[in-house]
Amino acid sequence: MTATLPPFFRLAAFDTLASTSDEAWHRAHDGAPEGTLITARTQTAGRGRQGRRWISEPGNLYMSLVLRPDAHVSRAAQLGFAASLAVADALRHFASHAAVTLKWPNDVLLRGKKTAGILLESEGDAGGRVRFVVLGIGVNLASHPADSEFPATSFKAAASHDVAPEAFLTVLAPALLVWYERWRGDGFAGLRQAWLDRAAGLGEDLRARLPGETVEGRFAGLDDDGMLLLDGPTGRRRIAAADVFPAIAED
């Protein structure tokens, strides 16, 4: 089976790659057009945020998409919210009654466990405008790691039936295009409330691990740029990047 995609996408499908994001990055540098989409059945050196290894067993979806939005590089991270919403839409398509939530900044949860992650890498010009963005998405469809720091699951484990990567991509691709166009037209304002409507832990106490410190507070929402708003003992913090977990309850 092959994925059926809107004309925006130009698919290059591989059996094995070191990393779909590396392949997309090289092609973007060589002038590949927006919509270039790289998929692989397996990856030998897949990676997630902060260089973490992304386990890449067969049966899951591994893809990276080249985008060339007319935007400042400081806005590129907002595309992670568009991708999260699209993955959530696709998961709900195949499991309409399953609880799908979004974990800041770039994870999608199925029944409270991580089933998808998103990696954004961008390059800008001398004026700070985007040359290209590589949007990497990994979705645990058939399998998931058993020893991840944040509990993980797969679609098969959570929904008790199989979805082939090609079938999932056929639903995901048009959803990605919808949310990307909404972001291009309305900016982050076009995504913010939709993301918050599905946010995991909103209004609850969270622990945010930043370089050099860990802070706790109540998840109060997102600012107009997508930063996490955390209300703690010393006031409100705006956090641009962190690993986020539920706060540890005191005995």
C-alpha atoms as a PDB file:
ATOM      1  CA  MET A   1       0.000   0.000   0.000  1.00  0.00           C
ATOM      2  CA  THR A   2       1.216   3.519  -0.762  1.00  0.00           C
ATOM      3  CA  ALA A   3       0.089   6.766   0.835  1.00  0.00           C
ATOM      4  CA  THR A   4      -2.293   8.986  -1.128  1.00  0.00           C
ATOM      5  CA  LEU A   5      -1.198  12.580  -0.578  1.00  0.00           C
ATOM      6  CA  PRO A   6      -2.376  16.061  -1.614  1.00  0.00           C
ATOM      7  CA  PRO A   7      -0.442  17.660  -4.514  1.00  0.00           C
ATOM      8  CA  PHE A   8       1.490  19.871  -2.045  1.00  0.00           C
ATOM      9  CA  PHE A   9       3.607  16.869  -1.027  1.00  0.00           C
ATOM     10  CA  ARG A  10       6.464  15.308  -2.975  1.00  0.00           C
ATOM     11  CA  LEU A  11       7.092  11.916  -1.427  1.00  0.00           C
ATOM     12  CA  ALA A  12      10.441  10.129  -1.333  1.00  0.00           C
ATOM     13  CA  ALA A  13       9.956   6.822   0.478  1.00  0.00           C
ATOM     14  CA  PHE A  14      12.845   4.641   1.679  1.00  0.00           C
ATOM     15  CA  ASP A  15      13.099   1.265   3.342  1.00  0.00           C
ATOM     16  CA  THR A  16      15.980   2.357   5.590  1.00  0.00           C
ATOM     17  CA  LEU A  17      17.674   5.672   6.341  1.00  0.00           C
ATOM     18  CA  ALA A  18      19.974   6.854   9.068  1.00  0.00           C
ATOM     19  CA  SER A  19      17.496   9.678   9.726  1.00  0.00           C
ATOM     20  CA  THR A  20      14.623  11.095   7.697  1.00  0.00           C
ATOM     21  CA  SER A  21      15.453  14.539   9.094  1.00  0.00           C
ATOM     22  CA  ASP A  22      19.063  14.297   7.921  1.00  0.00           C
ATOM     23  CA  GLU A  23      17.879  13.318   4.432  1.00  0.00           C
ATOM     24  CA  ALA A  24      15.357  16.161   4.359  1.00  0.00           C
ATOM     25  CA  TRP A  25      17.980  18.632   5.622  1.00  0.00           C
ATOM     26  CA  HIS A  26      20.442  17.694   2.870  1.00  0.00           C
ATOM     27  CA  ARG A  27      17.750  17.951   0.223  1.00  0.00           C
ATOM     28  CA  ALA A  28      16.573  21.324   1.546  1.00  0.00           C
ATOM     29  CA  HIS A  29      20.156  22.620   1.320  1.00  0.00           C
ATOM     30  CA  ASP A  30      20.223  21.426  -2.290  1.00  0.00           C
ATOM     31  CA  GLY A  31      17.077  23.406  -3.083  1.00  0.00           C
ATOM     32  CA  ALA A  32      14.341  20.815  -2.593  1.00  0.00           C
ATOM     33  CA  PRO A  33      10.942  22.516  -2.824  1.00  0.00           C
ATOM     34  CA  GLU A  34       8.517  23.006   0.009  1.00  0.00           C
ATOM     35  CA  GLY A  35       6.451  19.891   0.494  1.00  0.00           C
ATOM     36  CA  THR A  36       9.347  17.475  -0.002  1.00  0.00           C
ATOM     37  CA  LEU A  37       8.443  14.573   2.294  1.00  0.00           C
ATOM     38  CA  ILE A  38      10.895  11.875   3.358  1.00  0.00           C
ATOM     39  CA  THR A  39       9.700   8.625   4.931  1.00  0.00           C
ATOM     40  CA  ALA A  40      11.505   5.474   6.019  1.00  0.00           C
ATOM     41  CA  ARG A  41      10.302   2.125   7.289  1.00  0.00           C
ATOM     42  CA  THR A  42      13.230   2.059   9.723  1.00  0.00           C
ATOM     43  CA  GLN A  43      15.943   4.474  10.838  1.00  0.00           C
ATOM     44  CA  THR A  44      19.383   3.490  12.069  1.00  0.00           C
ATOM     45  CA  ALA A  45      20.118   6.854  13.738  1.00  0.00           C
ATOM     46  CA  GLY A  46      16.750   8.445  14.416  1.00  0.00           C
ATOM     47  CA  ARG A  47      16.731  11.265  16.929  1.00  0.00           C
ATOM     48  CA  GLY A  48      14.343  13.350  18.966  1.00  0.00           C
ATOM     49  CA  ARG A  49      14.644  16.651  20.798  1.00  0.00           C
ATOM     50  CA  GLN A  50      18.027  17.564  22.278  1.00  0.00           C
ATOM     51  CA  GLY A  51      19.727  14.817  20.288  1.00  0.00           C
ATOM     52  CA  ARG A  52      18.000  11.969  22.096  1.00  0.00           C
ATOM     53  CA  ARG A  53      17.901   8.662  20.271  1.00  0.00           C
ATOM     54  CA  TRP A  54      14.543   7.823  18.711  1.00  0.00           C
ATOM     55  CA  ILE A  55      13.961   4.064  18.615  1.00  0.00           C
ATOM     56  CA  SER A  56      12.956   3.230  15.045  1.00  0.00           C
ATOM     57  CA  GLU A  57      11.393  -0.209  14.776  1.00  0.00           C
ATOM     58  CA  PRO A  58       9.462  -1.281  11.660  1.00  0.00           C
ATOM     59  CA  GLY A  59       5.726  -0.592  11.664  1.00  0.00           C
ATOM     60  CA  ASN A  60       5.908   2.953  13.043  1.00  0.00           C
ATOM     61  CA  LEU A  61       5.769   6.182  11.045  1.00  0.00           C
ATOM     62  CA  TYR A  62       9.025   8.090  10.529  1.00  0.00           C
ATOM     63  CA  MET A  63       8.788  11.184   8.347  1.00  0.00           C
ATOM     64  CA  SER A  64      10.373  14.576   7.776  1.00  0.00           C
ATOM     65  CA  LEU A  65       8.881  17.427   5.770  1.00  0.00           C
ATOM     66  CA  VAL A  66      10.620  20.410   4.154  1.00  0.00           C
ATOM     67  CA  LEU A  67       8.758  23.697   4.660  1.00  0.00           C
ATOM     68  CA  ARG A  68       9.711  27.168   3.458  1.00  0.00           C
ATOM     69  CA  PRO A  69       7.377  29.623   5.217  1.00  0.00           C
ATOM     70  CA  ASP A  70       7.779  33.373   4.810  1.00  0.00           C
ATOM     71  CA  ALA A  71       8.529  33.984   8.483  1.00  0.00           C
ATOM     72  CA  HIS A  72      11.215  34.968  10.957  1.00  0.00           C
ATOM     73  CA  VAL A  73      13.193  32.038  12.343  1.00  0.00           C
ATOM     74  CA  SER A  74      11.960  32.936  15.843  1.00  0.00           C
ATOM     75  CA  ARG A  75       8.487  31.776  14.760  1.00  0.00           C
ATOM     76  CA  ALA A  76       9.584  28.434  13.342  1.00  0.00           C
ATOM     77  CA  ALA A  77       9.068  26.587  16.644  1.00  0.00           C
ATOM     78  CA  GLN A  78       5.345  27.387  16.435  1.00  0.00           C
ATOM     79  CA  LEU A  79       5.080  24.822  13.649  1.00  0.00           C
ATOM     80  CA  GLY A  80       5.447  22.153  16.323  1.00  0.00           C
ATOM     81  CA  PHE A  81       1.982  23.087  17.576  1.00  0.00           C
ATOM     82  CA  ALA A  82       0.551  22.766  14.046  1.00  0.00           C
ATOM     83  CA  ALA A  83       2.141  19.334  13.691  1.00  0.00           C
ATOM     84  CA  SER A  84       0.866  18.208  17.119  1.00  0.00           C
ATOM     85  CA  LEU A  85      -2.679  19.194  16.197  1.00  0.00           C
ATOM     86  CA  ALA A  86      -2.430  17.328  12.898  1.00  0.00           C
ATOM     87  CA  VAL A  87      -1.132  14.147  14.547  1.00  0.00           C
ATOM     88  CA  ALA A  88      -3.918  14.383  17.124  1.00  0.00           C
ATOM     89  CA  ASP A  89      -6.485  14.699  14.328  1.00  0.00           C
ATOM     90  CA  ALA A  90      -5.075  11.610  12.615  1.00  0.00           C
ATOM     91  CA  LEU A  91      -5.078   9.569  15.822  1.00  0.00           C
ATOM     92  CA  ARG A  92      -8.691  10.527  16.478  1.00  0.00           C
ATOM     93  CA  HIS A  93      -9.584   9.486  12.924  1.00  0.00           C
ATOM     94  CA  PHE A  94      -8.431   5.942  13.630  1.00  0.00           C
ATOM     95  CA  ALA A  95      -9.509   5.815  17.293  1.00  0.00           C
ATOM     96  CA  SER A  96     -12.416   8.223  17.677  1.00  0.00           C
ATOM     97  CA  HIS A  97     -13.084   7.385  21.325  1.00  0.00           C
ATOM     98  CA  ALA A  98      -9.502   7.343  22.556  1.00  0.00           C
ATOM     99  CA  ALA A  99      -8.218  10.151  24.757  1.00  0.00           C
ATOM    100  CA  VAL A 100      -5.735  12.164  22.669  1.00  0.00           C
ATOM    101  CA  THR A 101      -3.984  15.053  24.410  1.00  0.00           C
ATOM    102  CA  LEU A 102      -1.041  17.335  23.701  1.00  0.00           C
ATOM    103  CA  LYS A 103       1.974  17.689  25.960  1.00  0.00           C
ATOM    104  CA  TRP A 104       4.002  20.884  25.721  1.00  0.00           C
ATOM    105  CA  PRO A 105       5.965  21.521  23.658  1.00  0.00           C
ATOM    106  CA  ASN A 106       5.895  18.832  20.950  1.00  0.00           C
ATOM    107  CA  ASP A 107       4.464  15.513  22.158  1.00  0.00           C
ATOM    108  CA  VAL A 108       1.151  13.792  21.468  1.00  0.00           C
ATOM    109  CA  LEU A 109      -0.309  11.497  24.112  1.00  0.00           C
ATOM    110  CA  LEU A 110      -2.702   8.601  23.682  1.00  0.00           C
ATOM    111  CA  ARG A 111      -4.445   7.603  26.900  1.00  0.00           C
ATOM    112  CA  GLY A 112      -1.923   9.732  28.793  1.00  0.00           C
ATOM    113  CA  LYS A 113       1.197   8.142  27.312  1.00  0.00           C
ATOM    114  CA  LYS A 114       3.505   9.466  24.613  1.00  0.00           C
ATOM    115  CA  THR A 115       2.746   8.065  21.193  1.00  0.00           C
ATOM    116  CA  ALA A 116       4.275  10.737  18.958  1.00  0.00           C
ATOM    117  CA  GLY A 117       7.092  13.252  19.040  1.00  0.00           C
ATOM    118  CA  ILE A 118       8.033  16.158  16.821  1.00  0.00           C
ATOM    119  CA  LEU A 119      11.458  17.568  15.981  1.00  0.00           C
ATOM    120  CA  LEU A 120      11.897  20.982  14.357  1.00  0.00           C
ATOM    121  CA  GLU A 121      15.160  22.101  12.791  1.00  0.00           C
ATOM    122  CA  SER A 122      15.435  25.351  10.853  1.00  0.00           C
ATOM    123  CA  GLU A 123      17.945  27.453   8.968  1.00  0.00           C
ATOM    124  CA  GLY A 124      17.693  31.200   8.494  1.00  0.00           C
ATOM    125  CA  ASP A 125      19.300  33.781   6.263  1.00  0.00           C
ATOM    126  CA  ALA A 126      21.431  36.751   7.325  1.00  0.00           C
ATOM    127  CA  GLY A 127      18.287  38.795   7.952  1.00  0.00           C
ATOM    128  CA  GLY A 128      16.774  36.218  10.282  1.00  0.00           C
ATOM    129  CA  ARG A 129      14.186  34.942   7.809  1.00  0.00           C
ATOM    130  CA  VAL A 130      13.521  31.241   7.362  1.00  0.00           C
ATOM    131  CA  ARG A 131      15.369  29.538   4.545  1.00  0.00           C
ATOM    132  CA  PHE A 132      13.745  26.231   5.377  1.00  0.00           C
ATOM    133  CA  VAL A 133      12.308  24.197   8.238  1.00  0.00           C
ATOM    134  CA  VAL A 134      12.605  20.434   8.548  1.00  0.00           C
ATOM    135  CA  LEU A 135       9.605  19.103  10.443  1.00  0.00           C
ATOM    136  CA  GLY A 136      10.251  15.589  11.732  1.00  0.00           C
ATOM    137  CA  ILE A 137       7.436  13.431  13.086  1.00  0.00           C
ATOM    138  CA  GLY A 138       7.642   9.996  14.662  1.00  0.00           C
ATOM    139  CA  VAL A 139       4.455   8.114  15.574  1.00  0.00           C
ATOM    140  CA  ASN A 140       4.470   4.862  17.544  1.00  0.00           C
ATOM    141  CA  LEU A 141       1.930   2.830  15.608  1.00  0.00           C
ATOM    142  CA  ALA A 142       3.068  -0.761  16.138  1.00  0.00           C
ATOM    143  CA  SER A 143       5.606  -0.551  18.974  1.00  0.00           C
ATOM    144  CA  HIS A 144       7.024   1.761  21.623  1.00  0.00           C
ATOM    145  CA  PRO A 145      10.035   1.917  23.964  1.00  0.00           C
ATOM    146  CA  ALA A 146       9.525   0.303  27.350  1.00  0.00           C
ATOM    147  CA  ASP A 147      12.105   2.337  29.269  1.00  0.00           C
ATOM    148  CA  SER A 148      11.452   5.958  28.270  1.00  0.00           C
ATOM    149  CA  GLU A 149      11.573   8.655  30.945  1.00  0.00           C
ATOM    150  CA  PHE A 150       8.007   9.727  30.193  1.00  0.00           C
ATOM    151  CA  PRO A 151       5.680   6.695  29.802  1.00  0.00           C
ATOM    152  CA  ALA A 152       5.160   5.739  26.156  1.00  0.00           C
ATOM    153  CA  THR A 153       2.634   3.697  24.231  1.00  0.00           C
ATOM    154  CA  SER A 154       1.803   2.738  20.669  1.00  0.00           C
ATOM    155  CA  PHE A 155      -1.416   3.019  18.745  1.00  0.00           C
ATOM    156  CA  LYS A 156      -1.674  -0.771  18.656  1.00  0.00           C
ATOM    157  CA  ALA A 157      -1.265  -1.076  22.424  1.00  0.00           C
ATOM    158  CA  ALA A 158      -3.670   1.743  23.255  1.00  0.00           C
ATOM    159  CA  ALA A 159      -6.349   1.162  20.606  1.00  0.00           C
ATOM    160  CA  SER A 160      -6.028  -2.641  20.210  1.00  0.00           C
ATOM    161  CA  HIS A 161      -5.826  -2.630  16.432  1.00  0.00           C
ATOM    162  CA  ASP A 162      -3.266  -2.020  13.708  1.00  0.00           C
ATOM    163  CA  VAL A 163      -2.742   0.986  11.461  1.00  0.00           C
ATOM    164  CA  ALA A 164      -0.137   0.798   8.705  1.00  0.00           C
ATOM    165  CA  PRO A 165       2.236   3.777   8.405  1.00  0.00           C
ATOM    166  CA  GLU A 166       1.030   4.449   4.836  1.00  0.00           C
ATOM    167  CA  ALA A 167      -2.611   4.544   5.955  1.00  0.00           C
ATOM    168  CA  PHE A 168      -1.777   6.860   8.818  1.00  0.00           C
ATOM    169  CA  LEU A 169       0.211   9.174   6.544  1.00  0.00           C
ATOM    170  CA  THR A 170      -2.706   9.353   4.100  1.00  0.00           C
ATOM    171  CA  VAL A 171      -4.805  10.905   6.898  1.00  0.00           C
ATOM    172  CA  LEU A 172      -1.994  12.885   8.538  1.00  0.00           C
ATOM    173  CA  ALA A 173      -0.763  14.691   5.419  1.00  0.00           C
ATOM    174  CA  PRO A 174      -3.954  16.658   4.648  1.00  0.00           C
ATOM    175  CA  ALA A 175      -4.352  17.473   8.342  1.00  0.00           C
ATOM    176  CA  LEU A 176      -0.806  18.840   8.360  1.00  0.00           C
ATOM    177  CA  LEU A 177      -1.596  20.996   5.370  1.00  0.00           C
ATOM    178  CA  VAL A 178      -4.730  22.404   7.038  1.00  0.00           C
ATOM    179  CA  TRP A 179      -2.910  23.430  10.224  1.00  0.00           C
ATOM    180  CA  TYR A 180       0.119  24.732   8.318  1.00  0.00           C
ATOM    181  CA  GLU A 181      -2.091  26.958   6.177  1.00  0.00           C
ATOM    182  CA  ARG A 182      -3.922  28.177   9.261  1.00  0.00           C
ATOM    183  CA  TRP A 183      -0.602  29.108  10.857  1.00  0.00           C
ATOM    184  CA  ARG A 184       0.556  30.855   7.694  1.00  0.00           C
ATOM    185  CA  GLY A 185      -2.664  32.823   7.516  1.00  0.00           C
ATOM    186  CA  ASP A 186      -3.371  33.620  11.167  1.00  0.00           C
ATOM    187  CA  GLY A 187      -0.053  33.042  12.929  1.00  0.00           C
ATOM    188  CA  PHE A 188       0.073  31.334  16.294  1.00  0.00           C
ATOM    189  CA  ALA A 189      -3.295  32.883  17.188  1.00  0.00           C
ATOM    190  CA  GLY A 190      -4.830  30.429  14.727  1.00  0.00           C
ATOM    191  CA  LEU A 191      -3.455  27.475  16.687  1.00  0.00           C
ATOM    192  CA  ARG A 192      -3.321  28.590  20.311  1.00  0.00           C
ATOM    193  CA  GLN A 193      -6.866  27.876  21.488  1.00  0.00           C
ATOM    194  CA  ALA A 194      -7.156  24.636  19.528  1.00  0.00           C
ATOM    195  CA  TRP A 195      -3.961  23.408  21.162  1.00  0.00           C
ATOM    196  CA  LEU A 196      -5.063  24.505  24.647  1.00  0.00           C
ATOM    197  CA  ASP A 197      -8.389  22.708  24.167  1.00  0.00           C
ATOM    198  CA  ARG A 198      -6.404  19.450  23.976  1.00  0.00           C
ATOM    199  CA  ALA A 199      -3.603  20.304  26.403  1.00  0.00           C
ATOM    200  CA  ALA A 200      -2.497  17.716  28.942  1.00  0.00           C
ATOM    201  CA  GLY A 201      -2.140  19.038  32.483  1.00  0.00           C
ATOM    202  CA  LEU A 202      -3.646  22.487  31.948  1.00  0.00           C
ATOM    203  CA  GLY A 203      -4.354  24.011  35.356  1.00  0.00           C
ATOM    204  CA  GLU A 204      -2.315  21.317  37.112  1.00  0.00           C
ATOM    205  CA  ASP A 205       1.094  21.434  38.785  1.00  0.00           C
ATOM    206  CA  LEU A 206       3.998  20.665  36.485  1.00  0.00           C
ATOM    207  CA  ARG A 207       7.743  20.264  36.832  1.00  0.00           C
ATOM    208  CA  ALA A 208       9.826  21.911  34.103  1.00  0.00           C
ATOM    209  CA  ARG A 209      13.444  20.822  33.740  1.00  0.00           C
ATOM    210  CA  LEU A 210      15.548  23.584  32.216  1.00  0.00           C
ATOM    211  CA  PRO A 211      19.310  23.746  31.712  1.00  0.00           C
ATOM    212  CA  GLY A 212      20.723  24.307  35.184  1.00  0.00           C
ATOM    213  CA  GLU A 213      17.452  24.340  37.117  1.00  0.00           C
ATOM    214  CA  THR A 214      14.114  22.651  37.661  1.00  0.00           C
ATOM    215  CA  VAL A 215      11.033  24.714  38.451  1.00  0.00           C
ATOM    216  CA  GLU A 216       7.518  23.763  39.504  1.00  0.00           C
ATOM    217  CA  GLY A 217       4.248  25.591  39.170  1.00  0.00           C
ATOM    218  CA  ARG A 218       0.727  25.507  37.830  1.00  0.00           C
ATOM    219  CA  PHE A 219       0.365  25.186  34.069  1.00  0.00           C
ATOM    220  CA  ALA A 220      -1.472  28.446  33.330  1.00  0.00           C
ATOM    221  CA  GLY A 221      -1.496  28.243  29.535  1.00  0.00           C
ATOM    222  CA  LEU A 222       0.538  29.566  26.603  1.00  0.00           C
ATOM    223  CA  ASP A 223       1.591  33.093  25.785  1.00  0.00           C
ATOM    224  CA  ASP A 224       1.051  34.623  22.352  1.00  0.00           C
ATOM    225  CA  ASP A 225       4.268  33.026  21.047  1.00  0.00           C
ATOM    226  CA  GLY A 226       3.665  29.514  22.395  1.00  0.00           C
ATOM    227  CA  MET A 227       5.821  29.771  25.514  1.00  0.00           C
ATOM    228  CA  LEU A 228       4.706  27.796  28.563  1.00  0.00           C
ATOM    229  CA  LEU A 229       3.200  29.908  31.350  1.00  0.00           C
ATOM    230  CA  LEU A 230       4.029  28.456  34.745  1.00  0.00           C
ATOM    231  CA  ASP A 231       2.709  30.067  37.931  1.00  0.00           C
ATOM    232  CA  GLY A 232       5.082  29.320  40.819  1.00  0.00           C
ATOM    233  CA  PRO A 233       5.841  30.641  44.297  1.00  0.00           C
ATOM    234  CA  THR A 234       7.841  33.574  42.901  1.00  0.00           C
ATOM    235  CA  GLY A 235       5.350  34.519  40.197  1.00  0.00           C
ATOM    236  CA  ARG A 236       4.758  33.651  36.575  1.00  0.00           C
ATOM    237  CA  ARG A 237       7.520  32.190  34.406  1.00  0.00           C
ATOM    238  CA  ARG A 238       7.541  32.200  30.605  1.00  0.00           C
ATOM    239  CA  ILE A 239       9.447  29.116  29.488  1.00  0.00           C
ATOM    240  CA  ALA A 240      10.665  28.743  25.919  1.00  0.00           C
ATOM    241  CA  ALA A 241      12.074  25.201  26.121  1.00  0.00           C
ATOM    242  CA  ALA A 242      12.091  22.522  28.802  1.00  0.00           C
ATOM    243  CA  ASP A 243      11.293  18.902  29.544  1.00  0.00           C
ATOM    244  CA  VAL A 244       7.933  18.890  31.325  1.00  0.00           C
ATOM    245  CA  PHE A 245       6.530  16.295  33.735  1.00  0.00           C
ATOM    246  CA  PRO A 246       3.750  16.129  36.306  1.00  0.00           C
ATOM    247  CA  ALA A 247       4.919  17.623  39.593  1.00  0.00           C
ATOM    248  CA  ILE A 248       6.135  15.155  42.178  1.00  0.00           C
ATOM    249  CA  ALA A 249       3.647  14.888  45.035  1.00  0.00           C
ATOM    250  CA  GLU A 250       5.121  15.390  48.483  1.00  0.00           C
ATOM    251  CA  ASP A 251       4.635  12.695  51.102  1.00  0.00           C
END
